[in-house]
Amino acid sequence: DIPVVFMGAALDDADLSYVSVDDLEGGFRATEYLINAGHRLIACLYPPHVFAGQDRFRGYVNALNAYGLAQDERLVKTISTFYTNETPAQTIFLMKELLALGSERPTAVFCFNDLIAAQSYKAIKEARLRVPDDISLIGFDDSEMAIQLPVSLTSMIHPKYYLGKWLSSEQHE
């Protein structure tokens, strides 16, 4: 009998209320942004065991399909260590795998969040490549990290303040 509103994730239960970002749409728009910038080889780095990761990845795939671009499995990298101390090392390793594709490497990367984008930036810099001249990055969250990199990181806005505000007004109704 206690009212509950979930924040940050939708559950498959019609009786449960939630306030969340539309991660599917966000993944689509991030990928669409890169496509509209002229990119055709777009990689995606995401944690598949996180609901938001699954939805953002589906949005990425939907955008590729909507624009008639083939999904190249070599350009999809899954981060299995998300939320652990191993995440930075694994992200850098996966980014280096993408860069090792040589002439078939991605020209842009959609990263699950700004943390993964910042770690990807580190790998790109170590490879003596430049963002955005040699490879473009887009993150998700529009966090402080996005503005602290040596280059401006394009990032999808994750309106945490407004989610909390909507959640607060939902509980008072």
C-alpha atoms as a PDB file:
ATOM      1  CA  ASP A   1       0.000   0.000   0.000  1.00  0.00           C
ATOM      2  CA  ILE A   2       3.020   2.277  -0.177  1.00  0.00           C
ATOM      3  CA  PRO A   3       3.137   4.373  -3.355  1.00  0.00           C
ATOM      4  CA  VAL A   4       6.335   3.759  -5.307  1.00  0.00           C
ATOM      5  CA  VAL A   5       7.773   5.562  -8.316  1.00  0.00           C
ATOM      6  CA  PHE A   6      10.923   4.155  -9.917  1.00  0.00           C
ATOM      7  CA  MET A   7      13.534   6.583 -11.197  1.00  0.00           C
ATOM      8  CA  GLY A   8      15.822   5.858 -14.106  1.00  0.00           C
ATOM      9  CA  ALA A   9      14.318   2.623 -15.395  1.00  0.00           C
ATOM     10  CA  ALA A  10      11.011   1.421 -16.729  1.00  0.00           C
ATOM     11  CA  LEU A  11       9.841  -2.008 -15.658  1.00  0.00           C
ATOM     12  CA  ASP A  12       7.518  -4.287 -17.586  1.00  0.00           C
ATOM     13  CA  ASP A  13       4.736  -3.889 -15.053  1.00  0.00           C
ATOM     14  CA  ALA A  14       1.839  -1.628 -15.985  1.00  0.00           C
ATOM     15  CA  ASP A  15       1.032  -1.082 -12.295  1.00  0.00           C
ATOM     16  CA  LEU A  16       4.401   0.521 -11.509  1.00  0.00           C
ATOM     17  CA  SER A  17       5.041   4.209 -12.147  1.00  0.00           C
ATOM     18  CA  TYR A  18       8.424   5.442 -13.310  1.00  0.00           C
ATOM     19  CA  VAL A  19      10.267   8.528 -14.469  1.00  0.00           C
ATOM     20  CA  SER A  20      13.073   7.856 -16.930  1.00  0.00           C
ATOM     21  CA  VAL A  21      14.942   9.098 -19.951  1.00  0.00           C
ATOM     22  CA  ASP A  22      13.859   7.447 -23.194  1.00  0.00           C
ATOM     23  CA  ASP A  23      17.152   5.609 -23.729  1.00  0.00           C
ATOM     24  CA  LEU A  24      15.923   4.002 -26.963  1.00  0.00           C
ATOM     25  CA  GLU A  25      15.212   7.421 -28.461  1.00  0.00           C
ATOM     26  CA  GLY A  26      18.462   8.790 -27.020  1.00  0.00           C
ATOM     27  CA  GLY A  27      20.497   6.029 -28.681  1.00  0.00           C
ATOM     28  CA  PHE A  28      18.691   6.704 -31.951  1.00  0.00           C
ATOM     29  CA  ARG A  29      19.282  10.461 -31.793  1.00  0.00           C
ATOM     30  CA  ALA A  30      22.957  10.108 -30.851  1.00  0.00           C
ATOM     31  CA  THR A  31      23.568   7.783 -33.789  1.00  0.00           C
ATOM     32  CA  GLU A  32      21.455   9.924 -36.098  1.00  0.00           C
ATOM     33  CA  TYR A  33      23.558  12.948 -35.119  1.00  0.00           C
ATOM     34  CA  LEU A  34      26.699  11.095 -36.229  1.00  0.00           C
ATOM     35  CA  ILE A  35      25.044   9.907 -39.445  1.00  0.00           C
ATOM     36  CA  ASN A  36      23.934  13.471 -40.266  1.00  0.00           C
ATOM     37  CA  ALA A  37      27.529  14.587 -39.695  1.00  0.00           C
ATOM     38  CA  GLY A  38      28.520  12.268 -42.558  1.00  0.00           C
ATOM     39  CA  HIS A  39      29.697   9.195 -40.634  1.00  0.00           C
ATOM     40  CA  ARG A  40      28.968   5.731 -42.038  1.00  0.00           C
ATOM     41  CA  LEU A  41      31.266   3.553 -39.915  1.00  0.00           C
ATOM     42  CA  ILE A  42      29.865   4.142 -36.435  1.00  0.00           C
ATOM     43  CA  ALA A  43      30.902   2.007 -33.486  1.00  0.00           C
ATOM     44  CA  CYS A  44      28.982   1.486 -30.269  1.00  0.00           C
ATOM     45  CA  LEU A  45      30.459   0.805 -26.809  1.00  0.00           C
ATOM     46  CA  TYR A  46      27.881  -0.244 -24.230  1.00  0.00           C
ATOM     47  CA  PRO A  47      27.191  -2.536 -21.245  1.00  0.00           C
ATOM     48  CA  PRO A  48      24.607  -5.112 -22.405  1.00  0.00           C
ATOM     49  CA  HIS A  49      23.650  -6.133 -18.857  1.00  0.00           C
ATOM     50  CA  VAL A  50      22.356  -2.631 -18.026  1.00  0.00           C
ATOM     51  CA  PHE A  51      18.771  -1.854 -19.136  1.00  0.00           C
ATOM     52  CA  ALA A  52      19.751   1.618 -20.341  1.00  0.00           C
ATOM     53  CA  GLY A  53      22.626   0.052 -22.283  1.00  0.00           C
ATOM     54  CA  GLN A  54      20.276  -2.366 -24.014  1.00  0.00           C
ATOM     55  CA  ASP A  55      17.887   0.424 -24.972  1.00  0.00           C
ATOM     56  CA  ARG A  56      20.618   2.800 -26.174  1.00  0.00           C
ATOM     57  CA  PHE A  57      22.110  -0.006 -28.263  1.00  0.00           C
ATOM     58  CA  ARG A  58      18.689  -0.775 -29.784  1.00  0.00           C
ATOM     59  CA  GLY A  59      18.364   2.916 -30.637  1.00  0.00           C
ATOM     60  CA  TYR A  60      21.793   2.766 -32.315  1.00  0.00           C
ATOM     61  CA  VAL A  61      20.709  -0.236 -34.397  1.00  0.00           C
ATOM     62  CA  ASN A  62      17.379   1.400 -35.261  1.00  0.00           C
ATOM     63  CA  ALA A  63      19.161   4.527 -36.519  1.00  0.00           C
ATOM     64  CA  LEU A  64      21.546   2.491 -38.671  1.00  0.00           C
ATOM     65  CA  ASN A  65      18.556   0.637 -40.135  1.00  0.00           C
ATOM     66  CA  ALA A  66      16.535   3.828 -40.663  1.00  0.00           C
ATOM     67  CA  TYR A  67      19.377   5.311 -42.710  1.00  0.00           C
ATOM     68  CA  GLY A  68      20.136   2.118 -44.639  1.00  0.00           C
ATOM     69  CA  LEU A  69      23.499   1.472 -42.994  1.00  0.00           C
ATOM     70  CA  ALA A  70      24.609  -2.093 -42.370  1.00  0.00           C
ATOM     71  CA  GLN A  71      25.458  -3.040 -38.810  1.00  0.00           C
ATOM     72  CA  ASP A  72      29.065  -4.243 -38.656  1.00  0.00           C
ATOM     73  CA  GLU A  73      29.477  -6.568 -35.658  1.00  0.00           C
ATOM     74  CA  ARG A  74      33.171  -5.628 -35.478  1.00  0.00           C
ATOM     75  CA  LEU A  75      32.089  -2.108 -34.535  1.00  0.00           C
ATOM     76  CA  VAL A  76      29.958  -3.221 -31.581  1.00  0.00           C
ATOM     77  CA  LYS A  77      31.889  -3.632 -28.335  1.00  0.00           C
ATOM     78  CA  THR A  78      30.262  -4.758 -25.127  1.00  0.00           C
ATOM     79  CA  ILE A  79      31.609  -3.728 -21.766  1.00  0.00           C
ATOM     80  CA  SER A  80      31.181  -6.605 -19.332  1.00  0.00           C
ATOM     81  CA  THR A  81      32.868  -4.929 -16.379  1.00  0.00           C
ATOM     82  CA  PHE A  82      30.621  -1.877 -16.129  1.00  0.00           C
ATOM     83  CA  TYR A  83      30.428  -0.367 -12.619  1.00  0.00           C
ATOM     84  CA  THR A  84      33.697  -2.015 -11.582  1.00  0.00           C
ATOM     85  CA  ASN A  85      37.306  -0.873 -11.254  1.00  0.00           C
ATOM     86  CA  GLU A  86      38.050  -2.813 -14.457  1.00  0.00           C
ATOM     87  CA  THR A  87      35.824  -0.613 -16.636  1.00  0.00           C
ATOM     88  CA  PRO A  88      38.512   1.937 -17.647  1.00  0.00           C
ATOM     89  CA  ALA A  89      41.039  -0.725 -18.696  1.00  0.00           C
ATOM     90  CA  GLN A  90      38.428  -2.736 -20.587  1.00  0.00           C
ATOM     91  CA  THR A  91      37.080   0.349 -22.366  1.00  0.00           C
ATOM     92  CA  ILE A  92      40.563   1.397 -23.464  1.00  0.00           C
ATOM     93  CA  PHE A  93      41.279  -2.164 -24.653  1.00  0.00           C
ATOM     94  CA  LEU A  94      38.033  -2.272 -26.682  1.00  0.00           C
ATOM     95  CA  MET A  95      38.702   1.153 -28.179  1.00  0.00           C
ATOM     96  CA  LYS A  96      42.171   0.002 -29.219  1.00  0.00           C
ATOM     97  CA  GLU A  97      40.571  -3.005 -30.925  1.00  0.00           C
ATOM     98  CA  LEU A  98      38.385  -0.614 -32.921  1.00  0.00           C
ATOM     99  CA  LEU A  99      41.364   1.546 -33.874  1.00  0.00           C
ATOM    100  CA  ALA A 100      43.296  -1.567 -34.965  1.00  0.00           C
ATOM    101  CA  LEU A 101      40.774  -2.100 -37.777  1.00  0.00           C
ATOM    102  CA  GLY A 102      42.922   0.258 -39.847  1.00  0.00           C
ATOM    103  CA  SER A 103      41.143   1.522 -42.947  1.00  0.00           C
ATOM    104  CA  GLU A 104      37.937  -0.153 -41.725  1.00  0.00           C
ATOM    105  CA  ARG A 105      38.024   1.499 -38.305  1.00  0.00           C
ATOM    106  CA  PRO A 106      35.042   3.593 -37.269  1.00  0.00           C
ATOM    107  CA  THR A 107      35.008   7.280 -38.022  1.00  0.00           C
ATOM    108  CA  ALA A 108      32.718   7.826 -35.025  1.00  0.00           C
ATOM    109  CA  VAL A 109      31.842   6.098 -31.765  1.00  0.00           C
ATOM    110  CA  PHE A 110      28.609   6.259 -29.786  1.00  0.00           C
ATOM    111  CA  CYS A 111      29.491   5.632 -26.148  1.00  0.00           C
ATOM    112  CA  PHE A 112      26.989   4.495 -23.522  1.00  0.00           C
ATOM    113  CA  ASN A 113      27.948   7.411 -21.276  1.00  0.00           C
ATOM    114  CA  ASP A 114      30.466  10.210 -20.846  1.00  0.00           C
ATOM    115  CA  LEU A 115      32.741   8.075 -18.667  1.00  0.00           C
ATOM    116  CA  ILE A 116      33.148   5.532 -21.463  1.00  0.00           C
ATOM    117  CA  ALA A 117      33.615   8.382 -23.956  1.00  0.00           C
ATOM    118  CA  ALA A 118      36.363   9.908 -21.775  1.00  0.00           C
ATOM    119  CA  GLN A 119      38.131   6.554 -21.539  1.00  0.00           C
ATOM    120  CA  SER A 120      37.766   6.117 -25.301  1.00  0.00           C
ATOM    121  CA  TYR A 121      39.264   9.570 -25.769  1.00  0.00           C
ATOM    122  CA  LYS A 122      42.302   8.427 -23.789  1.00  0.00           C
ATOM    123  CA  ALA A 123      42.818   5.448 -26.134  1.00  0.00           C
ATOM    124  CA  ILE A 124      42.378   7.673 -29.189  1.00  0.00           C
ATOM    125  CA  LYS A 125      44.924  10.151 -27.859  1.00  0.00           C
ATOM    126  CA  GLU A 126      47.391   7.332 -27.081  1.00  0.00           C
ATOM    127  CA  ALA A 127      47.032   6.230 -30.722  1.00  0.00           C
ATOM    128  CA  ARG A 128      48.028   9.781 -31.731  1.00  0.00           C
ATOM    129  CA  LEU A 129      44.652  10.424 -33.314  1.00  0.00           C
ATOM    130  CA  ARG A 130      42.551  13.521 -32.737  1.00  0.00           C
ATOM    131  CA  VAL A 131      38.933  14.022 -31.751  1.00  0.00           C
ATOM    132  CA  PRO A 132      37.009  15.104 -33.825  1.00  0.00           C
ATOM    133  CA  ASP A 133      39.452  15.430 -36.749  1.00  0.00           C
ATOM    134  CA  ASP A 134      40.297  11.710 -37.017  1.00  0.00           C
ATOM    135  CA  ILE A 135      37.423  10.141 -35.103  1.00  0.00           C
ATOM    136  CA  SER A 136      34.278  11.576 -33.518  1.00  0.00           C
ATOM    137  CA  LEU A 137      32.891  10.656 -30.108  1.00  0.00           C
ATOM    138  CA  ILE A 138      29.459  11.143 -28.633  1.00  0.00           C
ATOM    139  CA  GLY A 139      28.649  10.358 -25.035  1.00  0.00           C
ATOM    140  CA  PHE A 140      25.486  10.299 -22.985  1.00  0.00           C
ATOM    141  CA  ASP A 141      24.703  12.138 -19.731  1.00  0.00           C
ATOM    142  CA  ASP A 142      26.074  15.615 -20.486  1.00  0.00           C
ATOM    143  CA  SER A 143      28.109  15.268 -17.304  1.00  0.00           C
ATOM    144  CA  GLU A 144      30.881  17.479 -15.933  1.00  0.00           C
ATOM    145  CA  MET A 145      33.286  14.986 -17.478  1.00  0.00           C
ATOM    146  CA  ALA A 146      32.091  16.028 -20.937  1.00  0.00           C
ATOM    147  CA  ILE A 147      33.410  19.563 -20.450  1.00  0.00           C
ATOM    148  CA  GLN A 148      36.615  18.608 -18.638  1.00  0.00           C
ATOM    149  CA  LEU A 149      38.208  16.776 -21.571  1.00  0.00           C
ATOM    150  CA  PRO A 150      40.795  18.691 -23.605  1.00  0.00           C
ATOM    151  CA  VAL A 151      38.249  18.717 -26.463  1.00  0.00           C
ATOM    152  CA  SER A 152      34.562  19.434 -26.192  1.00  0.00           C
ATOM    153  CA  LEU A 153      32.669  16.160 -26.018  1.00  0.00           C
ATOM    154  CA  THR A 154      29.325  15.996 -27.734  1.00  0.00           C
ATOM    155  CA  SER A 155      26.942  14.365 -25.279  1.00  0.00           C
ATOM    156  CA  MET A 156      23.257  13.541 -25.119  1.00  0.00           C
ATOM    157  CA  ILE A 157      21.541  15.399 -22.303  1.00  0.00           C
ATOM    158  CA  HIS A 158      20.358  13.284 -19.380  1.00  0.00           C
ATOM    159  CA  PRO A 159      18.154  15.711 -17.424  1.00  0.00           C
ATOM    160  CA  LYS A 160      18.749  14.317 -13.928  1.00  0.00           C
ATOM    161  CA  TYR A 161      17.466  17.463 -12.212  1.00  0.00           C
ATOM    162  CA  TYR A 162      14.212  17.372 -14.166  1.00  0.00           C
ATOM    163  CA  LEU A 163      13.790  13.640 -13.605  1.00  0.00           C
ATOM    164  CA  GLY A 164      13.964  14.329  -9.888  1.00  0.00           C
ATOM    165  CA  LYS A 165      11.576  17.243 -10.223  1.00  0.00           C
ATOM    166  CA  TRP A 166       9.085  15.124 -12.196  1.00  0.00           C
ATOM    167  CA  LEU A 167       9.487  12.335  -9.653  1.00  0.00           C
ATOM    168  CA  SER A 168       8.859  14.753  -6.797  1.00  0.00           C
ATOM    169  CA  SER A 169       5.696  16.163  -8.406  1.00  0.00           C
ATOM    170  CA  GLU A 170       4.497  12.606  -9.206  1.00  0.00           C
ATOM    171  CA  GLN A 171       4.719  11.640  -5.545  1.00  0.00           C
ATOM    172  CA  HIS A 172       2.714  14.673  -4.442  1.00  0.00           C
ATOM    173  CA  GLU A 173      -0.251  13.964  -6.706  1.00  0.00           C
END
